[in-house]
Amino acid sequence: MTNFGGRTKNIVVSSIIASRPQPEAHGPDRAFDPNFATTLAHGLEVLAAFHAGEEQLSNAEIAVRVGLSRPTVTRLTHTLRELGYLRRSAKGKFGLGLRVLATAYPLLASLHIRRLARPYMRDYAAYAGGTVSLAMPFGLDYIYIETVRMTDSIAHLPDIGFTAPLSQAAAGRALLSLYTDDELTAYVARTKRERPHESEGVETRTLPEVESCRARGFAMSIGEWRPEIFGVAAPLFRTPNGECVAVNCGIPAFRFSPEQIESECGPRMLGLANAIRAAAQLS
């Protein structure tokens, strides 16, 4: 067992899809792309309309969320139900079907870093009393591909599939530290274009923290995403396909002071990242 310090408690390893990914914005030229299947895109938008914690939506509610007419949504939900991607309740509302989970399984199974990192993540979760996750970029957001948590850590328990903005959390900043300068410039430009409400924070907080992460090896977010959670994260590597991977821990604010997050949890997070990288190289 890797010694990150602290006491060991009961750990739960998460392995279910828990949060709706945020689809990337449609490019301005897709209307003129002869190979772009608009109907397929609309069907996927219907699947993406469901939020974590919301079990069922009506056709009318889905239509409002995806910006399509109700007759169009009715045809889409009927088709998705027939294929097993949606299920319908006795009241006529829809929820995601198990076919969605089955479709995601081959992707999860191909991410071997999840299995390699899990023991080390478990040890850090025991030390910090928080939730340790592996994250990858997902447009302007990041998405969790693995999560290990304490059963009694915090009320908010993110899981595999959870997404949040790159700009606001330690995980996002650690991922951005792996970007090239051109990629980082493109990220800033896209944020200004698609999420202007985030752009000021990107310039004043996110980019300086990215530079700090590059210098010291870990990133922090002290209550910026959720006031009751302190975040610490470290970049891991880029995959052969160029995708970035980082590890982070969301820690209840009452467990450590901001000073301890920087002086104690940060260096231990760097040690966690080094251990995961070493395991990946040996596999």
Protein backbone atom coordinates (compact mmCIF):
# COMPACT_ATOMS: atom_id res chain seq x y z
CA MET A 1 0.00 0.00 0.00
CA THR A 2 1.39 3.38 -0.98
CA ASN A 3 1.99 5.50 2.12
CA PHE A 4 0.49 8.96 1.61
CA GLY A 5 -0.02 9.31 5.38
CA GLY A 6 -3.24 9.58 7.36
CA ARG A 7 -5.69 6.87 8.34
CA THR A 8 -7.44 4.34 6.15
CA LYS A 9 -11.23 4.29 5.99
CA ASN A 10 -13.76 2.37 3.98
CA ILE A 11 -13.29 3.22 0.30
CA VAL A 12 -15.82 2.85 -2.47
CA VAL A 13 -14.68 2.60 -6.08
CA SER A 14 -17.21 4.14 -8.43
CA SER A 15 -18.05 2.55 -11.74
CA ILE A 16 -21.34 3.99 -12.99
CA ILE A 17 -22.22 6.82 -15.30
CA ALA A 18 -23.40 9.72 -13.17
CA SER A 19 -23.45 13.01 -15.01
CA ARG A 20 -24.48 14.41 -18.34
CA PRO A 21 -21.55 15.33 -20.61
CA GLN A 22 -21.80 18.77 -22.15
CA PRO A 23 -21.79 18.44 -25.94
CA GLU A 24 -19.42 20.65 -27.84
CA ALA A 25 -20.95 23.57 -29.64
CA HIS A 26 -21.77 23.01 -33.30
CA GLY A 27 -19.26 24.52 -35.67
CA PRO A 28 -20.49 27.40 -37.83
CA ASP A 29 -19.96 25.43 -41.05
CA ARG A 30 -21.87 22.25 -40.16
CA ALA A 31 -24.97 23.43 -41.98
CA PHE A 32 -22.91 23.30 -45.17
CA ASP A 33 -21.20 19.96 -44.44
CA PRO A 34 -22.71 17.30 -46.74
CA ASN A 35 -21.36 14.52 -44.53
CA PHE A 36 -22.91 15.83 -41.31
CA ALA A 37 -25.95 13.72 -40.29
CA THR A 38 -28.27 16.25 -38.68
CA THR A 39 -30.89 13.71 -37.58
CA LEU A 40 -28.24 11.62 -35.83
CA ALA A 41 -26.92 14.76 -34.13
CA HIS A 42 -30.43 15.62 -32.91
CA GLY A 43 -30.85 12.13 -31.48
CA LEU A 44 -27.59 12.43 -29.57
CA GLU A 45 -28.68 15.85 -28.30
CA VAL A 46 -31.79 14.21 -26.88
CA LEU A 47 -29.64 11.73 -24.96
CA ALA A 48 -27.47 14.59 -23.70
CA ALA A 49 -30.51 16.50 -22.41
CA PHE A 50 -30.74 14.47 -19.22
CA HIS A 51 -29.10 15.84 -16.07
CA ALA A 52 -27.73 13.88 -13.14
CA GLY A 53 -30.45 13.43 -10.55
CA GLU A 54 -33.25 13.80 -13.09
CA GLU A 55 -34.73 10.42 -13.82
CA GLN A 56 -37.45 11.39 -16.28
CA LEU A 57 -38.31 14.08 -18.83
CA SER A 58 -41.35 14.57 -21.03
CA ASN A 59 -41.17 15.20 -24.77
CA ALA A 60 -42.08 18.84 -24.12
CA GLU A 61 -39.27 19.25 -21.57
CA ILE A 62 -36.76 17.63 -23.91
CA ALA A 63 -37.91 19.86 -26.78
CA VAL A 64 -37.22 22.98 -24.72
CA ARG A 65 -33.75 21.78 -23.73
CA VAL A 66 -32.55 20.79 -27.19
CA GLY A 67 -34.34 23.54 -29.12
CA LEU A 68 -36.31 21.22 -31.41
CA SER A 69 -40.02 21.01 -32.17
CA ARG A 70 -42.11 18.65 -30.09
CA PRO A 71 -43.11 16.47 -33.10
CA THR A 72 -39.43 16.02 -33.97
CA VAL A 73 -38.58 15.11 -30.39
CA THR A 74 -41.49 12.67 -30.28
CA ARG A 75 -40.10 10.80 -33.30
CA LEU A 76 -36.60 10.79 -31.83
CA THR A 77 -37.65 9.55 -28.40
CA HIS A 78 -39.76 6.81 -29.99
CA THR A 79 -36.79 5.61 -32.04
CA LEU A 80 -34.37 5.81 -29.09
CA ARG A 81 -36.81 3.88 -26.93
CA GLU A 82 -37.17 1.16 -29.55
CA LEU A 83 -33.38 0.83 -29.66
CA GLY A 84 -33.04 0.70 -25.86
CA TYR A 85 -31.34 4.06 -25.37
CA LEU A 86 -34.42 5.45 -23.59
CA ARG A 87 -37.01 3.86 -21.32
CA ARG A 88 -40.57 5.13 -20.85
CA SER A 89 -42.46 5.30 -17.58
CA ALA A 90 -46.13 4.59 -16.98
CA LYS A 91 -46.69 8.35 -16.96
CA GLY A 92 -45.22 8.71 -20.45
CA LYS A 93 -41.95 10.35 -19.46
CA PHE A 94 -38.53 9.18 -20.61
CA GLY A 95 -35.30 8.26 -18.87
CA LEU A 96 -31.97 6.98 -20.12
CA GLY A 97 -31.90 3.25 -20.91
CA LEU A 98 -29.25 0.70 -20.08
CA ARG A 99 -28.15 0.66 -23.73
CA VAL A 100 -26.40 3.97 -22.99
CA LEU A 101 -24.30 2.31 -20.30
CA ALA A 102 -23.57 -0.69 -22.51
CA THR A 103 -22.42 1.64 -25.28
CA ALA A 104 -19.98 3.38 -22.90
CA TYR A 105 -18.44 0.17 -21.57
CA PRO A 106 -15.98 -0.51 -24.44
CA LEU A 107 -14.60 3.00 -24.02
CA LEU A 108 -14.14 2.60 -20.28
CA ALA A 109 -12.57 -0.83 -20.75
CA SER A 110 -10.04 0.62 -23.20
CA LEU A 111 -8.79 3.19 -20.66
CA HIS A 112 -6.24 0.95 -18.96
CA ILE A 113 -4.93 3.79 -16.83
CA ARG A 114 -8.07 3.43 -14.70
CA ARG A 115 -6.99 -0.02 -13.48
CA LEU A 116 -3.35 0.95 -13.03
CA ALA A 117 -4.08 4.11 -11.06
CA ARG A 118 -6.82 2.76 -8.80
CA PRO A 119 -4.65 1.42 -5.92
CA TYR A 120 -2.69 4.66 -5.67
CA MET A 121 -5.86 6.74 -5.85
CA ARG A 122 -7.33 4.62 -3.06
CA ASP A 123 -4.39 5.41 -0.78
CA TYR A 124 -4.58 9.14 -1.43
CA ALA A 125 -8.33 9.15 -0.80
CA ALA A 126 -7.68 7.53 2.58
CA TYR A 127 -5.06 10.16 3.43
CA ALA A 128 -7.05 13.20 2.32
CA GLY A 129 -10.55 12.05 3.19
CA GLY A 130 -11.77 13.15 -0.22
CA THR A 131 -12.70 12.00 -3.70
CA VAL A 132 -9.84 11.13 -6.08
CA SER A 133 -10.52 11.07 -9.81
CA LEU A 134 -8.85 10.78 -13.19
CA ALA A 135 -9.91 13.49 -15.64
CA MET A 136 -9.61 14.20 -19.36
CA PRO A 137 -10.57 17.29 -21.40
CA PHE A 138 -14.06 17.37 -22.90
CA GLY A 139 -14.39 20.51 -24.99
CA LEU A 140 -14.36 23.44 -22.56
CA ASP A 141 -15.03 21.01 -19.73
CA TYR A 142 -13.27 18.05 -18.18
CA ILE A 143 -14.81 14.63 -17.64
CA TYR A 144 -14.05 11.99 -15.00
CA ILE A 145 -13.04 8.57 -16.32
CA GLU A 146 -12.40 7.03 -12.89
CA THR A 147 -13.31 7.94 -9.32
CA VAL A 148 -12.37 6.57 -5.91
CA ARG A 149 -13.99 8.08 -2.84
CA MET A 150 -14.49 7.93 0.89
CA THR A 151 -17.98 6.81 1.88
CA ASP A 152 -18.34 9.64 4.41
CA SER A 153 -16.41 12.40 2.68
CA ILE A 154 -18.83 15.03 1.32
CA ALA A 155 -22.44 15.38 0.27
CA HIS A 156 -21.47 16.00 -3.37
CA LEU A 157 -19.98 12.79 -4.75
CA PRO A 158 -18.93 13.08 -8.40
CA ASP A 159 -18.71 9.88 -10.40
CA ILE A 160 -17.53 8.56 -13.73
CA GLY A 161 -18.96 10.75 -16.48
CA PHE A 162 -19.18 13.86 -14.29
CA THR A 163 -18.26 17.08 -16.12
CA ALA A 164 -17.34 20.60 -15.00
CA PRO A 165 -15.61 23.63 -16.58
CA LEU A 166 -11.86 23.41 -17.10
CA SER A 167 -11.49 26.96 -15.83
CA GLN A 168 -12.88 26.58 -12.32
CA ALA A 169 -11.35 23.44 -10.86
CA ALA A 170 -7.90 22.12 -10.05
CA ALA A 171 -8.44 19.16 -12.40
CA GLY A 172 -9.09 21.49 -15.31
CA ARG A 173 -6.05 23.61 -14.58
CA ALA A 174 -3.82 20.54 -14.34
CA LEU A 175 -5.11 19.38 -17.74
CA LEU A 176 -4.57 22.82 -19.26
CA SER A 177 -0.95 22.73 -18.07
CA LEU A 178 -0.42 19.86 -20.54
CA TYR A 179 -1.68 21.95 -23.46
CA THR A 180 0.74 23.43 -25.94
CA ASP A 181 0.85 27.22 -26.18
CA ASP A 182 -1.21 27.07 -29.38
CA GLU A 183 -3.80 24.81 -27.74
CA LEU A 184 -4.02 27.09 -24.72
CA THR A 185 -4.51 30.13 -26.96
CA ALA A 186 -7.27 28.31 -28.83
CA TYR A 187 -8.92 27.37 -25.51
CA VAL A 188 -8.93 31.00 -24.35
CA ALA A 189 -10.38 32.17 -27.67
CA ARG A 190 -13.10 29.54 -27.60
CA THR A 191 -14.01 30.42 -24.02
CA LYS A 192 -14.40 34.08 -24.96
CA ARG A 193 -16.60 33.09 -27.89
CA GLU A 194 -18.79 30.43 -26.29
CA ARG A 195 -18.67 31.21 -22.56
CA PRO A 196 -17.98 34.92 -22.12
CA HIS A 197 -19.08 34.70 -18.49
CA GLU A 198 -16.01 32.53 -17.81
CA SER A 199 -13.48 34.54 -19.80
CA GLU A 200 -12.52 37.05 -17.11
CA GLY A 201 -11.83 34.26 -14.61
CA VAL A 202 -9.75 32.45 -17.21
CA GLU A 203 -7.48 35.47 -17.62
CA THR A 204 -7.21 36.43 -13.95
CA ARG A 205 -7.21 33.04 -12.18
CA THR A 206 -7.02 30.06 -14.52
CA LEU A 207 -4.01 31.03 -16.65
CA PRO A 208 -1.85 32.12 -13.68
CA GLU A 209 -2.68 28.84 -11.92
CA VAL A 210 -1.78 26.91 -15.08
CA GLU A 211 1.65 28.55 -15.06
CA SER A 212 2.05 27.75 -11.35
CA CYS A 213 1.13 24.14 -12.06
CA ARG A 214 3.78 23.92 -14.75
CA ALA A 215 6.36 25.23 -12.29
CA ARG A 216 5.52 23.23 -9.14
CA GLY A 217 3.79 20.18 -10.61
CA PHE A 218 0.31 20.59 -9.11
CA ALA A 219 -2.70 22.91 -9.32
CA MET A 220 -5.12 24.14 -6.68
CA SER A 221 -8.65 25.52 -6.49
CA ILE A 222 -9.62 26.81 -3.06
CA GLY A 223 -13.40 26.80 -2.98
CA GLU A 224 -13.78 28.34 -6.45
CA TRP A 225 -15.94 25.61 -7.92
CA ARG A 226 -17.83 24.80 -4.69
CA PRO A 227 -17.10 26.79 -1.49
CA GLU A 228 -17.06 23.66 0.68
CA ILE A 229 -14.51 21.82 -1.49
CA PHE A 230 -10.78 22.44 -1.86
CA GLY A 231 -9.23 20.91 -4.96
CA VAL A 232 -5.70 19.77 -5.72
CA ALA A 233 -4.60 18.10 -8.94
CA ALA A 234 -1.54 17.09 -10.94
CA PRO A 235 -1.04 16.50 -14.67
CA LEU A 236 -0.16 12.93 -15.63
CA PHE A 237 0.65 12.68 -19.34
CA ARG A 238 -0.63 12.81 -22.88
CA THR A 239 -1.74 9.54 -24.42
CA PRO A 240 -0.32 8.30 -27.75
CA ASN A 241 -3.38 9.92 -29.33
CA GLY A 242 -2.48 13.25 -27.74
CA GLU A 243 -5.25 13.23 -25.12
CA CYS A 244 -4.40 14.76 -21.74
CA VAL A 245 -4.92 12.97 -18.42
CA ALA A 246 -4.74 14.40 -14.89
CA VAL A 247 -5.45 13.18 -11.36
CA ASN A 248 -7.20 15.29 -8.74
CA CYS A 249 -8.73 15.16 -5.29
CA GLY A 250 -11.75 17.09 -4.03
CA ILE A 251 -11.28 17.56 -0.29
CA PRO A 252 -13.88 18.80 2.20
CA ALA A 253 -12.79 22.27 3.31
CA PHE A 254 -12.95 21.37 7.00
CA ARG A 255 -10.20 18.75 6.68
CA PHE A 256 -7.34 21.04 5.61
CA SER A 257 -6.64 24.76 5.59
CA PRO A 258 -5.72 26.45 2.29
CA GLU A 259 -2.13 26.62 3.54
CA GLN A 260 -2.11 22.87 4.19
CA ILE A 261 -3.54 22.18 0.76
CA GLU A 262 -0.51 23.92 -0.74
CA SER A 263 2.17 22.73 1.66
CA GLU A 264 0.99 19.17 2.38
CA CYS A 265 -1.69 17.93 -0.01
CA GLY A 266 -0.06 19.43 -3.12
CA PRO A 267 3.33 17.72 -2.73
CA ARG A 268 1.58 14.44 -1.88
CA MET A 269 -0.55 14.85 -5.02
CA LEU A 270 2.67 15.26 -7.01
CA GLY A 271 3.87 12.01 -5.44
CA LEU A 272 0.62 10.33 -6.45
CA ALA A 273 1.06 11.48 -10.03
CA ASN A 274 4.64 10.19 -10.09
CA ALA A 275 3.50 6.79 -8.79
CA ILE A 276 0.79 6.52 -11.46
CA ARG A 277 3.19 7.51 -14.23
CA ALA A 278 5.71 4.91 -13.04
CA ALA A 279 3.02 2.21 -13.01
CA ALA A 280 1.93 3.18 -16.52
CA GLN A 281 5.49 2.95 -17.82
CA LEU A 282 5.92 -0.53 -16.32
CA SER A 283 2.69 -1.91 -17.75
